[in-house]
C-alpha atoms as a PDB file:
ATOM      1  CA  UNK A   1     109.834 185.816  84.421  1.00  0.00           C
ATOM      2  CA  UNK A   2     113.615 185.639  84.593  1.00  0.00           C
ATOM      3  CA  UNK A   3     115.041 185.412  88.072  1.00  0.00           C
ATOM      4  CA  UNK A   4     118.588 185.068  89.383  1.00  0.00           C
ATOM      5  CA  UNK A   5     119.002 184.156  93.056  1.00  0.00           C
ATOM      6  CA  UNK A   6     122.466 184.589  94.531  1.00  0.00           C
ATOM      7  CA  UNK A   7     123.651 182.925  97.730  1.00  0.00           C
ATOM      8  CA  UNK A   8     126.795 181.980  99.619  1.00  0.00           C
ATOM      9  CA  UNK A   9     128.051 185.354 100.772  1.00  0.00           C
ATOM     10  CA  UNK A  10     129.132 186.168 104.286  1.00  0.00           C
ATOM     11  CA  UNK A  11     131.865 187.510 106.522  1.00  0.00           C
ATOM     12  CA  UNK A  12     135.323 186.051 105.986  1.00  0.00           C
ATOM     13  CA  UNK A  13     138.806 186.937 107.156  1.00  0.00           C
ATOM     14  CA  UNK A  14     141.469 188.110 104.704  1.00  0.00           C
ATOM     15  CA  UNK A  15     142.967 185.109 102.957  1.00  0.00           C
ATOM     16  CA  UNK A  16     139.786 183.102 103.347  1.00  0.00           C
ATOM     17  CA  UNK A  17     137.486 181.541 100.776  1.00  0.00           C
ATOM     18  CA  UNK A  18     133.833 181.605  99.813  1.00  0.00           C
ATOM     19  CA  UNK A  19     131.797 179.913  97.121  1.00  0.00           C
ATOM     20  CA  UNK A  20     128.918 181.855  95.645  1.00  0.00           C
ATOM     21  CA  UNK A  21     126.009 180.261  93.802  1.00  0.00           C
ATOM     22  CA  UNK A  22     123.444 181.746  91.462  1.00  0.00           C
ATOM     23  CA  UNK A  23     120.394 179.780  90.439  1.00  0.00           C
ATOM     24  CA  UNK A  24     118.561 180.930  87.336  1.00  0.00           C
ATOM     25  CA  UNK A  25     114.932 180.418  86.408  1.00  0.00           C
ATOM     26  CA  UNK A  26     112.740 181.527  83.525  1.00  0.00           C
ATOM     27  CA  UNK A  27     115.623 181.527  81.066  1.00  0.00           C
ATOM     28  CA  UNK A  28     117.171 179.019  78.652  1.00  0.00           C
ATOM     29  CA  UNK A  29     120.226 178.995  80.889  1.00  0.00           C
ATOM     30  CA  UNK A  30     122.469 176.687  78.894  1.00  0.00           C
ATOM     31  CA  UNK A  31     122.559 178.848  75.767  1.00  0.00           C
ATOM     32  CA  UNK A  32     123.660 182.053  77.488  1.00  0.00           C
ATOM     33  CA  UNK A  33     126.987 183.318  78.688  1.00  0.00           C
ATOM     34  CA  UNK A  34     126.749 184.149  82.376  1.00  0.00           C
ATOM     35  CA  UNK A  35     128.669 186.504  84.580  1.00  0.00           C
ATOM     36  CA  UNK A  36     129.399 187.567  88.109  1.00  0.00           C
ATOM     37  CA  UNK A  37     129.468 191.262  88.948  1.00  0.00           C
ATOM     38  CA  UNK A  38     130.068 193.226  92.108  1.00  0.00           C
ATOM     39  CA  UNK A  39     129.332 196.634  93.545  1.00  0.00           C
ATOM     40  CA  UNK A  40     131.234 198.085  96.464  1.00  0.00           C
ATOM     41  CA  UNK A  41     129.849 200.980  98.512  1.00  0.00           C
ATOM     42  CA  UNK A  42     130.167 204.238  96.603  1.00  0.00           C
ATOM     43  CA  UNK A  43     131.416 202.533  93.451  1.00  0.00           C
ATOM     44  CA  UNK A  44     129.906 201.465  90.161  1.00  0.00           C
ATOM     45  CA  UNK A  45     129.025 197.854  89.502  1.00  0.00           C
ATOM     46  CA  UNK A  46     131.863 196.033  87.747  1.00  0.00           C
ATOM     47  CA  UNK A  47     132.343 192.738  85.961  1.00  0.00           C
ATOM     48  CA  UNK A  48     134.242 190.071  87.889  1.00  0.00           C
ATOM     49  CA  UNK A  49     134.115 186.999  85.650  1.00  0.00           C
ATOM     50  CA  UNK A  50     132.179 185.571  82.740  1.00  0.00           C
ATOM     51  CA  UNK A  51     131.657 182.098  81.322  1.00  0.00           C
ATOM     52  CA  UNK A  52     130.326 181.288  77.878  1.00  0.00           C
ATOM     53  CA  UNK A  53     127.774 178.618  77.083  1.00  0.00           C
ATOM     54  CA  UNK A  54     130.671 176.343  76.084  1.00  0.00           C
ATOM     55  CA  UNK A  55     132.590 176.998  79.285  1.00  0.00           C
ATOM     56  CA  UNK A  56     135.183 179.508  78.150  1.00  0.00           C
ATOM     57  CA  UNK A  57     136.020 181.871  80.997  1.00  0.00           C
ATOM     58  CA  UNK A  58     137.255 185.423  81.347  1.00  0.00           C
ATOM     59  CA  UNK A  59     138.313 187.295  84.462  1.00  0.00           C
ATOM     60  CA  UNK A  60     138.894 190.840  85.560  1.00  0.00           C
ATOM     61  CA  UNK A  61     142.570 191.458  86.236  1.00  0.00           C
ATOM     62  CA  UNK A  62     141.925 192.084  89.911  1.00  0.00           C
ATOM     63  CA  UNK A  63     140.653 188.502  90.484  1.00  0.00           C
ATOM     64  CA  UNK A  64     142.819 186.490  88.097  1.00  0.00           C
ATOM     65  CA  UNK A  65     144.401 183.548  89.853  1.00  0.00           C
ATOM     66  CA  UNK A  66     142.113 183.910  92.882  1.00  0.00           C
ATOM     67  CA  UNK A  67     138.552 183.433  91.609  1.00  0.00           C
ATOM     68  CA  UNK A  68     137.092 180.656  89.445  1.00  0.00           C
ATOM     69  CA  UNK A  69     133.758 180.806  87.643  1.00  0.00           C
ATOM     70  CA  UNK A  70     131.964 177.616  86.670  1.00  0.00           C
ATOM     71  CA  UNK A  71     128.504 176.488  85.653  1.00  0.00           C
ATOM     72  CA  UNK A  72     126.233 173.469  85.930  1.00  0.00           C
ATOM     73  CA  UNK A  73     123.677 173.624  83.143  1.00  0.00           C
ATOM     74  CA  UNK A  74     121.729 170.696  84.592  1.00  0.00           C
ATOM     75  CA  UNK A  75     121.118 172.782  87.716  1.00  0.00           C
ATOM     76  CA  UNK A  76     120.755 176.151  85.955  1.00  0.00           C
ATOM     77  CA  UNK A  77     123.431 177.392  88.318  1.00  0.00           C
ATOM     78  CA  UNK A  78     126.615 179.417  87.986  1.00  0.00           C
ATOM     79  CA  UNK A  79     129.257 179.445  90.706  1.00  0.00           C
ATOM     80  CA  UNK A  80     132.081 181.704  91.807  1.00  0.00           C
ATOM     81  CA  UNK A  81     134.822 180.154  93.903  1.00  0.00           C
ATOM     82  CA  UNK A  82     136.701 182.941  95.646  1.00  0.00           C
ATOM     83  CA  UNK A  83     140.050 182.237  97.280  1.00  0.00           C
ATOM     84  CA  UNK A  84     142.684 184.478  98.861  1.00  0.00           C
ATOM     85  CA  UNK A  85     140.028 187.074  99.593  1.00  0.00           C
ATOM     86  CA  UNK A  86     141.147 190.620 100.342  1.00  0.00           C
ATOM     87  CA  UNK A  87     139.343 193.505 102.069  1.00  0.00           C
ATOM     88  CA  UNK A  88     138.956 195.224  98.692  1.00  0.00           C
ATOM     89  CA  UNK A  89     136.808 192.282  97.547  1.00  0.00           C
ATOM     90  CA  UNK A  90     134.104 193.471  99.937  1.00  0.00           C
ATOM     91  CA  UNK A  91     130.994 194.142  97.850  1.00  0.00           C
ATOM     92  CA  UNK A  92     127.552 192.903  96.927  1.00  0.00           C
ATOM     93  CA  UNK A  93     127.979 190.200  94.302  1.00  0.00           C
ATOM     94  CA  UNK A  94     125.418 189.675  91.564  1.00  0.00           C
ATOM     95  CA  UNK A  95     124.993 187.319  88.657  1.00  0.00           C
ATOM     96  CA  UNK A  96     123.446 188.149  85.309  1.00  0.00           C
ATOM     97  CA  UNK A  97     123.855 187.190  81.704  1.00  0.00           C
ATOM     98  CA  UNK A  98     127.287 187.652  80.187  1.00  0.00           C
ATOM     99  CA  UNK A  99     125.850 190.767  78.543  1.00  0.00           C
ATOM    100  CA  UNK A 100     123.798 191.894  81.514  1.00  0.00           C
ATOM    101  CA  UNK A 101     120.231 193.090  81.262  1.00  0.00           C
ATOM    102  CA  UNK A 102     119.089 195.790  83.654  1.00  0.00           C
ATOM    103  CA  UNK A 103     115.809 194.006  84.324  1.00  0.00           C
ATOM    104  CA  UNK A 104     117.600 190.806  85.363  1.00  0.00           C
ATOM    105  CA  UNK A 105     119.497 192.104  88.412  1.00  0.00           C
ATOM    106  CA  UNK A 106     118.633 190.238  91.608  1.00  0.00           C
ATOM    107  CA  UNK A 107     119.226 191.058  95.248  1.00  0.00           C
ATOM    108  CA  UNK A 108     122.829 189.968  95.232  1.00  0.00           C
ATOM    109  CA  UNK A 109     124.780 188.427  98.083  1.00  0.00           C
ATOM    110  CA  UNK A 110     126.968 190.433 100.453  1.00  0.00           C
ATOM    111  CA  UNK A 111     130.626 189.476 100.782  1.00  0.00           C
ATOM    112  CA  UNK A 112     132.549 191.151 103.578  1.00  0.00           C
ATOM    113  CA  UNK A 113     136.273 190.532 104.005  1.00  0.00           C
ATOM    114  CA  UNK A 114     137.469 191.796 107.350  1.00  0.00           C
ATOM    115  CA  UNK A 115     139.537 190.728 110.314  1.00  0.00           C
END
């Protein structure tokens, strides 16, 4: 059974930073591209960043220069370093494969950016 467990969210002031983690199990993690996604209240889930099995990264325009995705294949974990956070970054953040599967969505981790 494939499982992704996200952690690291919380409440942060505008301009602050958070580092999200996602630990994968039940999947040959190292061979798959992985991604971070987010869903804000009343909005559709959207892609934030992806990283290929070889470490090539891609970012949504709205996070370029602020967020960094990385992975540790030895720990089956993908990370999202988020800097210069803005109120519009408030959302539930999820990880999934780079081409997400509907049956792989986890609980996500809530990120709230507010003063």
